[in-house]
Amino acid sequence: MTVNTQIKAVAARMRRAGYAVARAGVCSSLAPEPLRVGVLRATGALIEPTTSVRPRVHMSDDVRLGADSSVGEECLLQGPLTLGDRSHLGPRTLVITYTHQIGGHELRCPEPPLVKPVTIGTGCWIGAGTIILPGVTIGDGVIVAAGAVVTKDCEPDSLYAGVPARLIRRLP
């Protein structure tokens, strides 16, 4: 088998493996950010060109990232998720959109899962290690303190903190 034939065979295998291979490769900190964002966009992610995505971010296909936004290292983003323009997710932020009904004692999380979209408004700052649970809407201009667990909607222009997250104060 010639080198050219080997290259074609490898390329065909990669095409069959799908975009998951490409996405896994760009999760590395060795991949420069423009390449990382470019591959994510080329494989179907809805990311504005001015958005920053740090290494080791895992996201589903139905995640939309607004212009001039950023996603910190090691985030897990389940969709459907919409992140507004100029919003920032700190490292290790988890956005969870899947949940289950509570079943009987023989099977507590029956199939199928329930999907509840999450929306994060424009100009938000989500601190490191925050967990955002299914169905939450975070209003424009909200700050969520590091380590908070957001279980309910957050009003615009407010600061939230704690487990579960609660309103600390209104912001100007």
Protein backbone atom coordinates (compact mmCIF):
# COMPACT_ATOMS: atom_id res chain seq x y z
CA MET A 1 0.00 0.00 0.00
CA THR A 2 1.45 3.36 -1.03
CA VAL A 3 1.67 6.34 1.30
CA ASN A 4 -0.99 8.17 -0.72
CA THR A 5 -3.35 5.20 -0.42
CA GLN A 6 -2.68 5.02 3.33
CA ILE A 7 -3.49 8.72 3.72
CA LYS A 8 -6.73 8.29 1.78
CA ALA A 9 -7.68 5.30 3.93
CA VAL A 10 -7.01 7.22 7.15
CA ALA A 11 -9.02 10.20 5.84
CA ALA A 12 -11.95 7.90 4.99
CA ARG A 13 -11.85 6.36 8.49
CA MET A 14 -11.83 9.82 10.07
CA ARG A 15 -14.81 10.90 7.95
CA ARG A 16 -16.67 7.78 9.08
CA ALA A 17 -15.77 8.51 12.71
CA GLY A 18 -17.45 11.88 12.24
CA TYR A 19 -16.87 15.23 13.80
CA ALA A 20 -16.43 13.72 17.28
CA VAL A 21 -12.82 12.93 16.41
CA ALA A 22 -12.16 16.49 15.28
CA ARG A 23 -13.83 17.93 18.37
CA ALA A 24 -11.88 15.64 20.69
CA GLY A 25 -8.62 16.72 19.05
CA VAL A 26 -9.27 20.43 19.52
CA CYS A 27 -10.21 20.05 23.19
CA SER A 28 -6.49 19.83 23.93
CA SER A 29 -4.55 22.79 25.29
CA LEU A 30 -2.07 22.10 22.47
CA ALA A 31 -4.57 23.32 19.86
CA PRO A 32 -4.43 27.10 19.36
CA GLU A 33 -7.71 28.87 20.11
CA PRO A 34 -8.47 29.98 16.52
CA LEU A 35 -8.16 26.34 15.41
CA ARG A 36 -10.31 25.17 18.34
CA VAL A 37 -13.13 27.62 17.55
CA GLY A 38 -12.81 27.02 13.81
CA VAL A 39 -13.15 23.23 14.12
CA LEU A 40 -16.07 23.56 16.54
CA ARG A 41 -17.82 25.90 14.08
CA ALA A 42 -17.00 23.65 11.11
CA THR A 43 -18.51 20.66 12.92
CA GLY A 44 -21.80 22.39 13.58
CA ALA A 45 -21.36 24.35 16.81
CA LEU A 46 -23.17 27.71 16.74
CA ILE A 47 -20.30 29.90 17.90
CA GLU A 48 -19.70 33.49 16.89
CA PRO A 49 -16.20 34.08 15.45
CA THR A 50 -15.36 36.52 18.29
CA THR A 51 -16.12 33.96 21.01
CA SER A 52 -13.28 32.49 23.07
CA VAL A 53 -13.36 28.77 23.94
CA ARG A 54 -10.60 27.57 26.26
CA PRO A 55 -9.18 24.01 26.23
CA ARG A 56 -10.99 20.89 27.45
CA VAL A 57 -14.49 22.31 26.91
CA HIS A 58 -17.13 19.72 26.07
CA MET A 59 -20.38 20.84 24.48
CA SER A 60 -23.29 19.31 22.63
CA ASP A 61 -24.36 20.40 19.15
CA ASP A 62 -27.28 22.51 20.35
CA VAL A 63 -25.21 25.08 22.23
CA ARG A 64 -25.25 28.68 20.94
CA LEU A 65 -22.45 30.99 22.09
CA GLY A 66 -22.93 34.73 21.53
CA ALA A 67 -20.47 37.27 20.19
CA ASP A 68 -17.55 38.39 22.36
CA SER A 69 -18.35 35.70 24.95
CA SER A 70 -15.92 33.28 26.57
CA VAL A 71 -16.01 29.76 27.95
CA GLY A 72 -13.38 28.82 30.55
CA GLU A 73 -11.36 25.63 30.72
CA GLU A 74 -13.01 22.30 31.50
CA CYS A 75 -16.62 23.47 31.11
CA LEU A 76 -19.36 20.97 30.33
CA LEU A 77 -22.19 22.51 28.32
CA GLN A 78 -25.29 20.44 27.57
CA GLY A 79 -27.80 21.86 25.16
CA PRO A 80 -30.12 23.31 24.36
CA LEU A 81 -28.17 26.23 25.79
CA THR A 82 -28.04 29.85 24.66
CA LEU A 83 -25.25 32.07 25.98
CA GLY A 84 -25.80 35.75 25.23
CA ASP A 85 -23.31 38.22 23.79
CA ARG A 86 -20.49 39.41 26.06
CA SER A 87 -21.20 36.72 28.67
CA HIS A 88 -18.47 34.72 30.35
CA LEU A 89 -18.40 31.25 31.91
CA GLY A 90 -15.64 30.62 34.44
CA PRO A 91 -13.58 27.41 34.43
CA ARG A 92 -15.37 24.16 35.28
CA THR A 93 -18.84 25.61 34.88
CA LEU A 94 -21.45 22.89 34.36
CA VAL A 95 -24.66 23.62 32.46
CA ILE A 96 -27.02 20.66 32.75
CA THR A 97 -30.19 20.47 30.66
CA TYR A 98 -31.17 16.82 31.12
CA THR A 99 -33.22 15.52 34.03
CA HIS A 100 -35.65 12.66 34.73
CA GLN A 101 -39.02 12.06 36.28
CA ILE A 102 -38.72 10.34 39.65
CA GLY A 103 -39.83 6.77 39.16
CA GLY A 104 -40.77 4.02 41.57
CA HIS A 105 -38.32 2.29 43.89
CA GLU A 106 -37.37 -0.25 41.19
CA LEU A 107 -36.16 2.47 38.77
CA ARG A 108 -35.75 6.02 40.09
CA CYS A 109 -34.71 7.63 36.78
CA PRO A 110 -36.86 6.11 34.04
CA GLU A 111 -36.33 6.80 30.36
CA PRO A 112 -36.69 8.98 28.42
CA PRO A 113 -34.88 11.93 29.98
CA LEU A 114 -36.55 15.33 30.12
CA VAL A 115 -34.75 18.14 28.32
CA LYS A 116 -35.16 21.63 29.78
CA PRO A 117 -33.27 24.41 27.90
CA VAL A 118 -31.03 26.88 29.73
CA THR A 119 -30.68 30.52 28.70
CA ILE A 120 -27.94 32.84 29.95
CA GLY A 121 -28.52 36.48 29.02
CA THR A 122 -26.26 39.20 27.63
CA GLY A 123 -23.40 40.61 29.70
CA CYS A 124 -23.40 37.88 32.37
CA TRP A 125 -20.48 36.65 34.44
CA ILE A 126 -20.75 33.08 35.72
CA GLY A 127 -18.06 32.29 38.30
CA ALA A 128 -15.78 29.26 38.31
CA GLY A 129 -17.30 25.96 39.33
CA THR A 130 -20.89 27.14 39.04
CA ILE A 131 -23.54 24.50 38.34
CA ILE A 132 -26.62 25.59 36.39
CA LEU A 133 -29.48 23.10 36.48
CA PRO A 134 -32.14 22.31 33.83
CA GLY A 135 -34.70 24.90 32.79
CA VAL A 136 -32.99 27.93 34.32
CA THR A 137 -33.06 31.38 32.71
CA ILE A 138 -30.38 33.82 33.84
CA GLY A 139 -31.30 37.43 33.02
CA ASP A 140 -29.07 40.02 31.35
CA GLY A 141 -26.25 41.48 33.43
CA VAL A 142 -26.29 38.81 36.14
CA ILE A 143 -23.24 37.80 38.16
CA VAL A 144 -23.25 34.32 39.68
CA ALA A 145 -20.57 33.80 42.34
CA ALA A 146 -18.07 30.96 42.06
CA GLY A 147 -19.32 27.59 43.26
CA ALA A 148 -23.01 28.53 43.24
CA VAL A 149 -25.71 26.03 42.27
CA VAL A 150 -28.39 27.79 40.22
CA THR A 151 -31.71 25.96 40.58
CA LYS A 152 -34.14 28.78 39.72
CA ASP A 153 -34.35 31.74 37.33
CA CYS A 154 -32.17 34.77 38.10
CA GLU A 155 -33.49 38.33 37.72
CA PRO A 156 -31.55 40.73 35.45
CA ASP A 157 -28.81 42.96 36.87
CA SER A 158 -28.42 41.02 40.11
CA LEU A 159 -25.76 39.14 42.07
CA TYR A 160 -26.47 35.53 43.07
CA ALA A 161 -24.41 33.24 45.31
CA GLY A 162 -24.71 30.12 47.43
CA VAL A 163 -26.02 26.58 47.36
CA PRO A 164 -28.71 26.87 46.21
CA ALA A 165 -28.02 30.25 44.62
CA ARG A 166 -30.01 33.13 46.10
CA LEU A 167 -30.27 36.82 45.38
CA ILE A 168 -27.55 38.74 47.26
CA ARG A 169 -28.22 42.22 45.85
CA ARG A 170 -29.33 44.20 42.83
CA LEU A 171 -26.64 45.65 40.60
CA PRO A 172 -26.64 49.11 39.01
